[in-house]
Amino acid sequence: VQLRGVTNVFPKHLLTLLPRNIVWPDTFTLEKLASVNSAIASGEGGRSITGDDKSFNRVADLLHYPNQRRQKRLSYACTALLGGPVNDHPLLNRTMRRRLLEIPSTKGRLWATRELFEAYNSQFRQK
């Protein structure tokens, strides 16, 4: 699966946290990427896109892993996309990531992260 011509650019640990039993839009490429990684891990696809044999287990498939715990983990993990060493963008920087991590509720962290990504992505939409 390629995202705009770049292969496997999304962190696998975030893909493992995608919920199941949701009808995703056809344009939601991350579900397709997660499905490819699941197939590879179950032995249906050979080697992974990056050539390694690392396992890939979707948290939603684990019976002992409650949705609330998956959501909380996702709320912290999605901030990993922010504040990398080369990211100086005013919306996506280490200070903003730290502020997101300090939000006490899971729902608040997910909402704030979504809003931040919406603001960032809106810069690239045609007007």
Foldseek 3Di string as FASTA:
>chain_A
DDDVNHPPPDDLVLLLLDAPPDDDPPPPCSVVLSVQLQCLQVPNNPADPVRHNDHHHRLNPDPPRDNLNSLQVNLLVVLVVAADPPDPPPLGHPVNSVVLVPPDDSVSSVVVSVVSVVVVVVVVDDD
